[in-house]
């Protein structure tokens, strides 16, 4: 049991640190992409391009 704690606890800490780092980097990249999208807006306030709904596609 003592050996398991000596090995398991540091491994668990490393995994937890890796998970936190992954989420921090992911969220910072998402925020950066969002800001770039807002800054790159050319004044075209078209929004999303409309597409056929699934019902309209099935009707065709």
PDB file of N, CA and C in Angstrom:
ATOM      1  N   UNK A   1       0.832  -1.193   0.000  1.00  0.00           N
ATOM      2  CA  UNK A   1       0.000   0.000   0.000  1.00  0.00           C
ATOM      3  C   UNK A   1       0.873   1.252   0.000  1.00  0.00           C
ATOM      4  N   UNK A   2       1.971   1.214   0.733  1.00  0.00           N
ATOM      5  CA  UNK A   2       2.853   2.371   0.814  1.00  0.00           C
ATOM      6  C   UNK A   2       3.508   2.644  -0.535  1.00  0.00           C
ATOM      7  N   UNK A   3       3.901   1.593  -1.240  1.00  0.00           N
ATOM      8  CA  UNK A   3       4.523   1.752  -2.561  1.00  0.00           C
ATOM      9  C   UNK A   3       3.527   2.328  -3.552  1.00  0.00           C
ATOM     10  N   UNK A   4       2.273   1.880  -3.461  1.00  0.00           N
ATOM     11  CA  UNK A   4       1.227   2.389  -4.349  1.00  0.00           C
ATOM     12  C   UNK A   4       1.032   3.891  -4.144  1.00  0.00           C
ATOM     13  N   UNK A   5       1.063   4.335  -2.914  1.00  0.00           N
ATOM     14  CA  UNK A   5       0.918   5.758  -2.630  1.00  0.00           C
ATOM     15  C   UNK A   5       2.131   6.539  -3.115  1.00  0.00           C
ATOM     16  N   UNK A   6       3.310   5.970  -2.955  1.00  0.00           N
ATOM     17  CA  UNK A   6       4.525   6.670  -3.374  1.00  0.00           C
ATOM     18  C   UNK A   6       4.590   6.830  -4.887  1.00  0.00           C
ATOM     19  N   UNK A   7       4.045   5.889  -5.622  1.00  0.00           N
ATOM     20  CA  UNK A   7       4.083   5.949  -7.084  1.00  0.00           C
ATOM     21  C   UNK A   7       2.814   6.600  -7.624  1.00  0.00           C
ATOM     22  N   UNK A   8       1.677   6.232  -7.058  1.00  0.00           N
ATOM     23  CA  UNK A   8       0.388   6.683  -7.578  1.00  0.00           C
ATOM     24  C   UNK A   8       0.121   8.159  -7.390  1.00  0.00           C
ATOM     25  N   UNK A   9       0.502   8.696  -6.261  1.00  0.00           N
ATOM     26  CA  UNK A   9       0.221  10.107  -5.983  1.00  0.00           C
ATOM     27  C   UNK A   9       0.959  11.045  -6.938  1.00  0.00           C
ATOM     28  N   UNK A  10       2.247  10.859  -7.190  1.00  0.00           N
ATOM     29  CA  UNK A  10       2.909  11.723  -8.178  1.00  0.00           C
ATOM     30  C   UNK A  10       2.343  11.557  -9.594  1.00  0.00           C
ATOM     31  N   UNK A  11       2.008  10.323  -9.960  1.00  0.00           N
ATOM     32  CA  UNK A  11       1.425  10.095 -11.287  1.00  0.00           C
ATOM     33  C   UNK A  11       0.082  10.808 -11.391  1.00  0.00           C
ATOM     34  N   UNK A  12      -0.723  10.725 -10.352  1.00  0.00           N
ATOM     35  CA  UNK A  12      -2.012  11.413 -10.331  1.00  0.00           C
ATOM     36  C   UNK A  12      -1.826  12.929 -10.426  1.00  0.00           C
ATOM     37  N   UNK A  13      -0.825  13.449  -9.754  1.00  0.00           N
ATOM     38  CA  UNK A  13      -0.536  14.882  -9.838  1.00  0.00           C
ATOM     39  C   UNK A  13      -0.117  15.306 -11.230  1.00  0.00           C
ATOM     40  N   UNK A  14       0.684  14.487 -11.888  1.00  0.00           N
ATOM     41  CA  UNK A  14       1.123  14.801 -13.252  1.00  0.00           C
ATOM     42  C   UNK A  14      -0.060  14.781 -14.208  1.00  0.00           C
ATOM     43  N   UNK A  15      -0.933  13.782 -14.065  1.00  0.00           N
ATOM     44  CA  UNK A  15      -2.120  13.692 -14.924  1.00  0.00           C
ATOM     45  C   UNK A  15      -3.036  14.892 -14.687  1.00  0.00           C
ATOM     46  N   UNK A  16      -3.210  15.288 -13.440  1.00  0.00           N
ATOM     47  CA  UNK A  16      -4.057  16.439 -13.130  1.00  0.00           C
ATOM     48  C   UNK A  16      -3.463  17.720 -13.711  1.00  0.00           C
ATOM     49  N   UNK A  17      -2.161  17.892 -13.607  1.00  0.00           N
ATOM     50  CA  UNK A  17      -1.514  19.082 -14.171  1.00  0.00           C
ATOM     51  C   UNK A  17      -1.635  19.100 -15.690  1.00  0.00           C
ATOM     52  N   UNK A  18      -1.517  17.940 -16.321  1.00  0.00           N
ATOM     53  CA  UNK A  18      -1.663  17.869 -17.777  1.00  0.00           C
ATOM     54  C   UNK A  18      -3.086  18.217 -18.195  1.00  0.00           C
ATOM     55  N   UNK A  19      -4.074  17.746 -17.446  1.00  0.00           N
ATOM     56  CA  UNK A  19      -5.466  18.051 -17.770  1.00  0.00           C
ATOM     57  C   UNK A  19      -5.747  19.544 -17.629  1.00  0.00           C
ATOM     58  N   UNK A  20      -5.263  20.149 -16.566  1.00  0.00           N
ATOM     59  CA  UNK A  20      -5.463  21.588 -16.368  1.00  0.00           C
ATOM     60  C   UNK A  20      -4.787  22.373 -17.482  1.00  0.00           C
ATOM     61  N   UNK A  21      -3.580  22.000 -17.846  1.00  0.00           N
ATOM     62  CA  UNK A  21      -2.859  22.682 -18.927  1.00  0.00           C
ATOM     63  C   UNK A  21      -3.607  22.554 -20.239  1.00  0.00           C
ATOM     64  N   UNK A  22      -4.125  21.371 -20.530  1.00  0.00           N
ATOM     65  CA  UNK A  22      -4.879  21.148 -21.764  1.00  0.00           C
ATOM     66  C   UNK A  22      -6.091  22.071 -21.830  1.00  0.00           C
ATOM     67  N   UNK A  23      -6.861  22.150 -20.745  1.00  0.00           N
ATOM     68  CA  UNK A  23      -8.055  22.986 -20.755  1.00  0.00           C
ATOM     69  C   UNK A  23      -7.709  24.466 -20.839  1.00  0.00           C
ATOM     70  N   UNK A  24      -6.668  24.903 -20.167  1.00  0.00           N
ATOM     71  CA  UNK A  24      -6.268  26.315 -20.233  1.00  0.00           C
ATOM     72  C   UNK A  24      -5.866  26.682 -21.652  1.00  0.00           C
ATOM     73  N   UNK A  25      -5.077  25.849 -22.299  1.00  0.00           N
ATOM     74  CA  UNK A  25      -4.646  26.126 -23.672  1.00  0.00           C
ATOM     75  C   UNK A  25      -5.836  26.089 -24.615  1.00  0.00           C
ATOM     76  N   UNK A  26      -6.728  25.125 -24.450  1.00  0.00           N
ATOM     77  CA  UNK A  26      -7.892  25.019 -25.325  1.00  0.00           C
ATOM     78  C   UNK A  26      -8.776  26.251 -25.213  1.00  0.00           C
ATOM     79  N   UNK A  27      -9.069  26.683 -23.998  1.00  0.00           N
ATOM     80  CA  UNK A  27      -9.936  27.835 -23.831  1.00  0.00           C
ATOM     81  C   UNK A  27      -9.268  29.119 -24.310  1.00  0.00           C
ATOM     82  N   UNK A  28      -7.964  29.239 -24.142  1.00  0.00           N
ATOM     83  CA  UNK A  28      -7.292  30.445 -24.628  1.00  0.00           C
ATOM     84  C   UNK A  28      -7.298  30.485 -26.150  1.00  0.00           C
ATOM     85  N   UNK A  29      -7.158  29.324 -26.802  1.00  0.00           N
ATOM     86  CA  UNK A  29      -7.224  29.293 -28.265  1.00  0.00           C
ATOM     87  C   UNK A  29      -8.626  29.614 -28.756  1.00  0.00           C
ATOM     88  N   UNK A  30      -9.648  29.112 -28.065  1.00  0.00           N
ATOM     89  CA  UNK A  30     -11.020  29.436 -28.449  1.00  0.00           C
ATOM     90  C   UNK A  30     -11.279  30.928 -28.308  1.00  0.00           C
ATOM     91  N   UNK A  31     -10.796  31.519 -27.225  1.00  0.00           N
ATOM     92  CA  UNK A  31     -10.990  32.949 -27.020  1.00  0.00           C
ATOM     93  C   UNK A  31     -10.259  33.744 -28.093  1.00  0.00           C
ATOM     94  N   UNK A  32      -9.053  33.307 -28.447  1.00  0.00           N
ATOM     95  CA  UNK A  32      -8.276  33.992 -29.477  1.00  0.00           C
ATOM     96  C   UNK A  32      -8.981  33.910 -30.829  1.00  0.00           C
ATOM     97  N   UNK A  33      -9.520  32.749 -31.164  1.00  0.00           N
ATOM     98  CA  UNK A  33     -10.247  32.604 -32.427  1.00  0.00           C
ATOM     99  C   UNK A  33     -11.480  33.489 -32.438  1.00  0.00           C
ATOM    100  N   UNK A  34     -12.162  33.569 -31.312  1.00  0.00           N
ATOM    101  CA  UNK A  34     -13.361  34.397 -31.220  1.00  0.00           C
ATOM    102  C   UNK A  34     -13.011  35.869 -31.406  1.00  0.00           C
ATOM    103  N   UNK A  35     -11.937  36.307 -30.774  1.00  0.00           N
ATOM    104  CA  UNK A  35     -11.527  37.704 -30.917  1.00  0.00           C
ATOM    105  C   UNK A  35     -11.089  38.000 -32.344  1.00  0.00           C
ATOM    106  N   UNK A  36     -10.348  37.080 -32.959  1.00  0.00           N
ATOM    107  CA  UNK A  36      -9.915  37.284 -34.339  1.00  0.00           C
ATOM    108  C   UNK A  36     -11.101  37.354 -35.280  1.00  0.00           C
ATOM    109  N   UNK A  37     -12.114  36.546 -35.040  1.00  0.00           N
ATOM    110  CA  UNK A  37     -13.304  36.572 -35.889  1.00  0.00           C
ATOM    111  C   UNK A  37     -14.001  37.928 -35.776  1.00  0.00           C
ATOM    112  N   UNK A  38     -14.077  38.468 -34.560  1.00  0.00           N
ATOM    113  CA  UNK A  38     -14.718  39.768 -34.375  1.00  0.00           C
ATOM    114  C   UNK A  38     -13.903  40.883 -35.016  1.00  0.00           C
ATOM    115  N   UNK A  39     -12.584  40.807 -34.941  1.00  0.00           N
ATOM    116  CA  UNK A  39     -11.737  41.852 -35.506  1.00  0.00           C
ATOM    117  C   UNK A  39     -11.680  41.781 -37.021  1.00  0.00           C
ATOM    118  N   UNK A  40     -11.789  40.576 -37.562  1.00  0.00           N
ATOM    119  CA  UNK A  40     -11.705  40.405 -39.008  1.00  0.00           C
ATOM    120  C   UNK A  40     -13.022  40.703 -39.711  1.00  0.00           C
ATOM    121  N   UNK A  41     -14.026  41.108 -38.975  1.00  0.00           N
ATOM    122  CA  UNK A  41     -15.325  41.397 -39.575  1.00  0.00           C
ATOM    123  C   UNK A  41     -15.200  42.617 -40.481  1.00  0.00           C
ATOM    124  N   UNK A  42     -15.605  42.469 -41.731  1.00  0.00           N
ATOM    125  CA  UNK A  42     -15.483  43.549 -42.707  1.00  0.00           C
ATOM    126  C   UNK A  42     -16.700  44.462 -42.730  1.00  0.00           C
ATOM    127  N   UNK A  43     -17.541  44.381 -41.750  1.00  0.00           N
ATOM    128  CA  UNK A  43     -18.748  45.181 -41.755  1.00  0.00           C
ATOM    129  C   UNK A  43     -19.894  44.465 -42.433  1.00  0.00           C
ATOM    130  N   UNK A  44     -19.667  43.263 -42.872  1.00  0.00           N
ATOM    131  CA  UNK A  44     -20.734  42.473 -43.474  1.00  0.00           C
ATOM    132  C   UNK A  44     -21.518  41.829 -42.343  1.00  0.00           C
ATOM    133  N   UNK A  45     -22.632  42.384 -42.041  1.00  0.00           N
ATOM    134  CA  UNK A  45     -23.436  41.868 -40.937  1.00  0.00           C
ATOM    135  C   UNK A  45     -24.453  40.856 -41.439  1.00  0.00           C
ATOM    136  N   UNK A  46     -23.983  39.933 -42.248  1.00  0.00           N
ATOM    137  CA  UNK A  46     -24.877  38.921 -42.778  1.00  0.00           C
ATOM    138  C   UNK A  46     -25.186  37.853 -41.744  1.00  0.00           C
ATOM    139  N   UNK A  47     -24.325  37.642 -40.818  1.00  0.00           N
ATOM    140  CA  UNK A  47     -24.517  36.584 -39.847  1.00  0.00           C
ATOM    141  C   UNK A  47     -24.273  35.235 -40.487  1.00  0.00           C
ATOM    142  N   UNK A  48     -24.985  34.256 -40.017  1.00  0.00           N
ATOM    143  CA  UNK A  48     -24.834  32.918 -40.575  1.00  0.00           C
ATOM    144  C   UNK A  48     -25.577  32.832 -41.895  1.00  0.00           C
ATOM    145  N   UNK A  49     -25.019  32.077 -42.808  1.00  0.00           N
ATOM    146  CA  UNK A  49     -25.710  31.841 -44.068  1.00  0.00           C
ATOM    147  C   UNK A  49     -26.820  30.837 -43.806  1.00  0.00           C
ATOM    148  N   UNK A  50     -27.997  31.168 -44.294  1.00  0.00           N
ATOM    149  CA  UNK A  50     -29.108  30.259 -44.049  1.00  0.00           C
ATOM    150  C   UNK A  50     -28.974  29.039 -44.943  1.00  0.00           C
ATOM    151  N   UNK A  51     -29.350  27.924 -44.417  1.00  0.00           N
ATOM    152  CA  UNK A  51     -29.334  26.691 -45.188  1.00  0.00           C
ATOM    153  C   UNK A  51     -30.690  26.031 -45.023  1.00  0.00           C
ATOM    154  N   UNK A  52     -30.930  25.062 -45.836  1.00  0.00           N
ATOM    155  CA  UNK A  52     -32.200  24.364 -45.758  1.00  0.00           C
ATOM    156  C   UNK A  52     -32.298  23.608 -44.442  1.00  0.00           C
ATOM    157  N   UNK A  53     -33.484  23.635 -43.875  1.00  0.00           N
ATOM    158  CA  UNK A  53     -33.676  22.851 -42.664  1.00  0.00           C
ATOM    159  C   UNK A  53     -33.733  21.383 -43.038  1.00  0.00           C
ATOM    160  N   UNK A  54     -33.636  20.544 -42.064  1.00  0.00           N
ATOM    161  CA  UNK A  54     -33.643  19.106 -42.346  1.00  0.00           C
ATOM    162  C   UNK A  54     -34.968  18.678 -42.962  1.00  0.00           C
ATOM    163  N   UNK A  55     -36.060  19.311 -42.571  1.00  0.00           N
ATOM    164  CA  UNK A  55     -37.362  18.964 -43.154  1.00  0.00           C
ATOM    165  C   UNK A  55     -37.411  19.355 -44.623  1.00  0.00           C
ATOM    166  N   UNK A  56     -36.860  20.530 -44.941  1.00  0.00           N
ATOM    167  CA  UNK A  56     -36.854  20.959 -46.340  1.00  0.00           C
ATOM    168  C   UNK A  56     -35.969  20.054 -47.179  1.00  0.00           C
ATOM    169  N   UNK A  57     -34.861  19.589 -46.618  1.00  0.00           N
ATOM    170  CA  UNK A  57     -33.985  18.684 -47.356  1.00  0.00           C
ATOM    171  C   UNK A  57     -34.656  17.342 -47.603  1.00  0.00           C
ATOM    172  N   UNK A  58     -35.395  16.859 -46.611  1.00  0.00           N
ATOM    173  CA  UNK A  58     -36.079  15.578 -46.788  1.00  0.00           C
ATOM    174  C   UNK A  58     -37.221  15.688 -47.785  1.00  0.00           C
ATOM    175  N   UNK A  59     -37.838  16.870 -47.885  1.00  0.00           N
ATOM    176  CA  UNK A  59     -38.956  17.061 -48.803  1.00  0.00           C
ATOM    177  C   UNK A  59     -38.488  17.045 -50.250  1.00  0.00           C
ATOM    178  N   UNK A  60     -37.222  17.335 -50.483  1.00  0.00           N
ATOM    179  CA  UNK A  60     -36.714  17.369 -51.864  1.00  0.00           C
ATOM    180  C   UNK A  60     -36.533  16.035 -52.427  1.00  0.00           C
TER     181      UNK A  60
END
